[in-house]
Amino acid sequence: MGTAVVDITPHGFETWTDLDSDGEFDGCIDDPTASSADCTEPFDDADGDGHFDAVFIGGYGQRRPATGVHEPIEVRALMYAGCGAASAVPTAPSRA
């Protein structure tokens, strides 16, 4: 039997300049400086790959990148082995 706790919180994701303060990314994911007419908001291309590596928030509309981490995300697991078989039970606690 064994247990483990691992932090899977995303780190180092890129941010953008929300020029119209609506919480939505109105730029293009492949144009860091927003130089074309269709791209109105620039982003910080921290890794220099020319692509917006954001963590998008689900359930809050389209194109809503996270602006930070509210709480860390942990995964916990319980492993049991016996009688020639093994089983693992992973959990990710929900915080409301």
C-alpha atoms as a PDB file:
ATOM      1  CA  MET A   1       0.000   0.000   0.000  1.00  0.00           C
ATOM      2  CA  GLY A   2       1.183   3.523  -0.688  1.00  0.00           C
ATOM      3  CA  THR A   3      -0.035   7.082  -0.925  1.00  0.00           C
ATOM      4  CA  ALA A   4       1.082  10.189  -2.778  1.00  0.00           C
ATOM      5  CA  VAL A   5       0.185  13.871  -3.094  1.00  0.00           C
ATOM      6  CA  VAL A   6       1.312  15.808  -6.189  1.00  0.00           C
ATOM      7  CA  ASP A   7       0.852  19.503  -7.027  1.00  0.00           C
ATOM      8  CA  ILE A   8      -0.368  19.806 -10.658  1.00  0.00           C
ATOM      9  CA  THR A   9      -0.995  23.557 -10.619  1.00  0.00           C
ATOM     10  CA  PRO A  10      -0.056  25.100 -13.988  1.00  0.00           C
ATOM     11  CA  HIS A  11       2.887  27.497 -13.736  1.00  0.00           C
ATOM     12  CA  GLY A  12       4.545  29.831 -16.200  1.00  0.00           C
ATOM     13  CA  PHE A  13       1.571  30.444 -18.455  1.00  0.00           C
ATOM     14  CA  GLU A  14       1.583  33.583 -20.535  1.00  0.00           C
ATOM     15  CA  THR A  15      -0.549  36.661 -19.900  1.00  0.00           C
ATOM     16  CA  TRP A  16      -1.999  39.321 -22.168  1.00  0.00           C
ATOM     17  CA  THR A  17      -2.801  43.026 -22.107  1.00  0.00           C
ATOM     18  CA  ASP A  18      -6.578  43.370 -21.700  1.00  0.00           C
ATOM     19  CA  LEU A  19      -6.914  46.755 -23.393  1.00  0.00           C
ATOM     20  CA  ASP A  20     -10.733  46.866 -23.196  1.00  0.00           C
ATOM     21  CA  SER A  21     -10.927  45.353 -19.656  1.00  0.00           C
ATOM     22  CA  ASP A  22     -13.539  42.762 -20.626  1.00  0.00           C
ATOM     23  CA  GLY A  23     -11.598  39.718 -19.385  1.00  0.00           C
ATOM     24  CA  GLU A  24     -11.497  38.174 -22.867  1.00  0.00           C
ATOM     25  CA  PHE A  25      -8.459  37.784 -25.096  1.00  0.00           C
ATOM     26  CA  ASP A  26      -9.170  39.745 -28.303  1.00  0.00           C
ATOM     27  CA  GLY A  27      -5.798  39.114 -29.895  1.00  0.00           C
ATOM     28  CA  CYS A  28      -4.481  36.374 -32.157  1.00  0.00           C
ATOM     29  CA  ILE A  29      -2.733  33.364 -30.607  1.00  0.00           C
ATOM     30  CA  ASP A  30       0.112  33.643 -33.114  1.00  0.00           C
ATOM     31  CA  ASP A  31       0.687  37.437 -33.095  1.00  0.00           C
ATOM     32  CA  PRO A  32       2.392  38.563 -29.835  1.00  0.00           C
ATOM     33  CA  THR A  33       2.467  42.252 -30.756  1.00  0.00           C
ATOM     34  CA  ALA A  34      -1.097  42.431 -32.177  1.00  0.00           C
ATOM     35  CA  SER A  35       0.275  43.915 -35.384  1.00  0.00           C
ATOM     36  CA  SER A  36      -2.531  42.816 -37.725  1.00  0.00           C
ATOM     37  CA  ALA A  37      -5.962  44.467 -37.949  1.00  0.00           C
ATOM     38  CA  ASP A  38      -7.749  41.390 -36.530  1.00  0.00           C
ATOM     39  CA  CYS A  39      -5.502  41.234 -33.457  1.00  0.00           C
ATOM     40  CA  THR A  40      -6.316  44.000 -31.009  1.00  0.00           C
ATOM     41  CA  GLU A  41      -4.623  42.805 -27.793  1.00  0.00           C
ATOM     42  CA  PRO A  42      -0.949  41.802 -27.449  1.00  0.00           C
ATOM     43  CA  PHE A  43       0.340  39.016 -25.229  1.00  0.00           C
ATOM     44  CA  ASP A  44       3.541  38.367 -23.312  1.00  0.00           C
ATOM     45  CA  ASP A  45       5.400  35.708 -25.336  1.00  0.00           C
ATOM     46  CA  ALA A  46       7.485  34.531 -22.369  1.00  0.00           C
ATOM     47  CA  ASP A  47       8.997  31.510 -24.107  1.00  0.00           C
ATOM     48  CA  GLY A  48       9.549  33.246 -27.468  1.00  0.00           C
ATOM     49  CA  ASP A  49       7.709  30.653 -29.567  1.00  0.00           C
ATOM     50  CA  GLY A  50       5.286  33.193 -31.109  1.00  0.00           C
ATOM     51  CA  HIS A  51       2.241  31.348 -29.719  1.00  0.00           C
ATOM     52  CA  PHE A  52      -0.062  32.417 -26.847  1.00  0.00           C
ATOM     53  CA  ASP A  53       0.448  29.651 -24.267  1.00  0.00           C
ATOM     54  CA  ALA A  54      -2.409  30.577 -21.971  1.00  0.00           C
ATOM     55  CA  VAL A  55      -4.486  28.461 -19.618  1.00  0.00           C
ATOM     56  CA  PHE A  56      -8.060  29.127 -20.711  1.00  0.00           C
ATOM     57  CA  ILE A  57     -10.845  29.089 -18.111  1.00  0.00           C
ATOM     58  CA  GLY A  58     -13.699  26.717 -18.953  1.00  0.00           C
ATOM     59  CA  GLY A  59     -17.331  27.613 -18.355  1.00  0.00           C
ATOM     60  CA  TYR A  60     -16.973  31.391 -18.457  1.00  0.00           C
ATOM     61  CA  GLY A  61     -17.407  32.143 -22.142  1.00  0.00           C
ATOM     62  CA  GLN A  62     -14.911  31.943 -24.953  1.00  0.00           C
ATOM     63  CA  ARG A  63     -11.342  33.238 -24.974  1.00  0.00           C
ATOM     64  CA  ARG A  64     -11.035  33.783 -21.191  1.00  0.00           C
ATOM     65  CA  PRO A  65      -7.402  33.163 -20.221  1.00  0.00           C
ATOM     66  CA  ALA A  66      -6.526  32.779 -16.564  1.00  0.00           C
ATOM     67  CA  THR A  67      -4.776  35.775 -15.052  1.00  0.00           C
ATOM     68  CA  GLY A  68      -3.275  33.881 -12.124  1.00  0.00           C
ATOM     69  CA  VAL A  69      -3.673  30.948  -9.764  1.00  0.00           C
ATOM     70  CA  HIS A  70      -6.360  31.214  -7.081  1.00  0.00           C
ATOM     71  CA  GLU A  71      -5.498  27.974  -5.259  1.00  0.00           C
ATOM     72  CA  PRO A  72      -3.058  25.145  -5.936  1.00  0.00           C
ATOM     73  CA  ILE A  73      -4.401  21.934  -7.505  1.00  0.00           C
ATOM     74  CA  GLU A  74      -3.360  18.689  -5.832  1.00  0.00           C
ATOM     75  CA  VAL A  75      -3.908  15.117  -6.918  1.00  0.00           C
ATOM     76  CA  ARG A  76      -3.877  12.430  -4.258  1.00  0.00           C
ATOM     77  CA  ALA A  77      -3.563   8.717  -4.870  1.00  0.00           C
ATOM     78  CA  LEU A  78      -3.900   5.529  -2.867  1.00  0.00           C
ATOM     79  CA  MET A  79      -2.201   2.406  -4.229  1.00  0.00           C
ATOM     80  CA  TYR A  80      -2.970  -1.093  -3.023  1.00  0.00           C
ATOM     81  CA  ALA A  81      -1.383  -4.336  -4.168  1.00  0.00           C
ATOM     82  CA  GLY A  82      -2.039  -7.847  -3.046  1.00  0.00           C
ATOM     83  CA  CYS A  83      -2.916 -11.346  -4.245  1.00  0.00           C
ATOM     84  CA  GLY A  84      -1.186 -10.735  -7.580  1.00  0.00           C
ATOM     85  CA  ALA A  85      -3.181  -7.625  -8.446  1.00  0.00           C
ATOM     86  CA  ALA A  86      -2.754  -3.897  -7.963  1.00  0.00           C
ATOM     87  CA  SER A  87      -5.201  -1.018  -7.854  1.00  0.00           C
ATOM     88  CA  ALA A  88      -4.822   2.752  -7.676  1.00  0.00           C
ATOM     89  CA  VAL A  89      -7.428   5.337  -6.708  1.00  0.00           C
ATOM     90  CA  PRO A  90      -6.542   8.912  -7.771  1.00  0.00           C
ATOM     91  CA  THR A  91      -8.568  11.882  -6.504  1.00  0.00           C
ATOM     92  CA  ALA A  92      -8.539  15.604  -7.187  1.00  0.00           C
ATOM     93  CA  PRO A  93     -10.357  17.406  -4.360  1.00  0.00           C
ATOM     94  CA  SER A  94     -12.968  19.904  -5.450  1.00  0.00           C
ATOM     95  CA  ARG A  95     -13.063  23.295  -3.768  1.00  0.00           C
ATOM     96  CA  ALA A  96     -16.256  25.277  -3.969  1.00  0.00           C
END
